[in-house]
Amino acid sequence: MNAIVTVVGNDKVGIIAKVSAFLAERDINIEDISQTVLSGNFVMMMMVDLTAATKNLSEVKAELSALGESMGVSISVMHERVFSAMHRI
């Protein structure tokens, strides 16, 4: 099962490292990643594979949201099918 993780907030040291470590600790593989910094604003999107994850999607969502709050950024997680349906032209 794939999901899309988005991270948005003020750029600071360690955002990618902390999010990546969180995912690795839960056996969640990063399949694709894109990130940029625009005028000091950090924006990252990842497609992740939760097939071998040690937590279910709702637990991952809650824990990533809490991680984001502790880092001062917004982190959201959406099932890939929902994301694709929302962005279909």
Protein backbone atom coordinates (compact mmCIF):
# COMPACT_ATOMS: atom_id res chain seq x y z
CA MET A 1 0.00 0.00 0.00
CA ASN A 2 1.35 3.39 -0.97
CA ALA A 3 0.70 6.77 0.63
CA ILE A 4 1.71 10.36 -0.05
CA VAL A 5 3.46 12.25 2.75
CA THR A 6 3.67 16.03 2.52
CA VAL A 7 5.77 18.27 4.74
CA VAL A 8 5.37 22.07 4.65
CA GLY A 9 6.85 24.76 6.88
CA ASN A 10 9.73 27.10 7.51
CA ASP A 11 13.02 25.62 6.35
CA LYS A 12 15.35 24.42 9.11
CA VAL A 13 18.09 21.88 9.62
CA GLY A 14 17.04 18.25 10.06
CA ILE A 15 13.56 18.08 8.55
CA ILE A 16 14.43 15.43 5.96
CA ALA A 17 16.58 13.51 8.47
CA LYS A 18 13.88 13.37 11.13
CA VAL A 19 11.06 12.39 8.78
CA SER A 20 13.23 9.79 7.05
CA ALA A 21 14.35 8.31 10.38
CA PHE A 22 10.72 8.14 11.55
CA LEU A 23 9.75 6.21 8.42
CA ALA A 24 12.76 3.87 8.59
CA GLU A 25 12.06 3.02 12.24
CA ARG A 26 8.60 1.80 11.17
CA ASP A 27 9.81 -0.15 8.11
CA ILE A 28 8.21 2.35 5.72
CA ASN A 29 10.14 2.65 2.47
CA ILE A 30 10.46 5.93 0.58
CA GLU A 31 9.66 5.10 -3.06
CA ASP A 32 9.96 8.64 -4.45
CA ILE A 33 10.80 12.03 -2.97
CA SER A 34 10.75 15.64 -4.11
CA GLN A 35 11.63 18.67 -2.04
CA THR A 36 12.28 22.33 -2.56
CA VAL A 37 12.77 25.52 -0.60
CA LEU A 38 10.89 28.57 -1.85
CA SER A 39 11.67 31.87 -0.13
CA GLY A 40 12.50 30.08 3.11
CA ASN A 41 9.48 27.75 2.93
CA PHE A 42 10.29 24.03 2.90
CA VAL A 43 8.02 21.80 0.79
CA MET A 44 8.50 18.02 0.47
CA MET A 45 6.37 15.27 -1.05
CA MET A 46 7.13 11.59 -0.71
CA MET A 47 5.50 8.46 -2.00
CA VAL A 48 6.00 5.79 0.63
CA ASP A 49 5.34 2.05 0.70
CA LEU A 50 3.60 0.86 3.86
CA THR A 51 3.49 -2.84 2.87
CA ALA A 52 5.98 -3.89 5.58
CA ALA A 53 5.10 -1.11 8.05
CA THR A 54 5.01 -1.94 11.74
CA LYS A 55 2.10 0.52 12.23
CA ASN A 56 -1.19 0.96 10.38
CA LEU A 57 -1.97 4.06 8.31
CA SER A 58 -4.01 5.83 10.99
CA GLU A 59 -1.22 5.37 13.57
CA VAL A 60 1.37 6.64 11.10
CA LYS A 61 -0.79 9.69 10.32
CA ALA A 62 -1.19 10.55 14.01
CA GLU A 63 2.47 10.04 14.84
CA LEU A 64 3.70 12.03 11.83
CA SER A 65 1.31 14.85 12.69
CA ALA A 66 2.75 14.94 16.22
CA LEU A 67 6.30 14.84 14.85
CA GLY A 68 5.46 17.78 12.60
CA GLU A 69 4.09 19.79 15.51
CA SER A 70 7.27 19.15 17.51
CA MET A 71 9.34 20.36 14.53
CA GLY A 72 7.14 23.37 13.72
CA VAL A 73 6.04 22.02 10.32
CA SER A 74 2.85 20.51 8.96
CA ILE A 75 3.01 16.83 7.99
CA SER A 76 0.09 15.08 6.36
CA VAL A 77 -0.41 11.57 5.02
CA MET A 78 -2.93 10.50 2.39
CA HIS A 79 -3.56 7.12 0.80
CA GLU A 80 -2.24 7.16 -2.77
CA ARG A 81 -5.68 6.39 -4.26
CA VAL A 82 -7.25 9.35 -2.47
CA PHE A 83 -4.41 11.63 -3.56
CA SER A 84 -4.70 10.45 -7.18
CA ALA A 85 -8.47 10.94 -7.20
CA MET A 86 -8.13 14.47 -5.82
CA HIS A 87 -5.54 15.44 -8.43
CA ARG A 88 -7.06 13.82 -11.52
CA ILE A 89 -7.65 16.23 -14.36
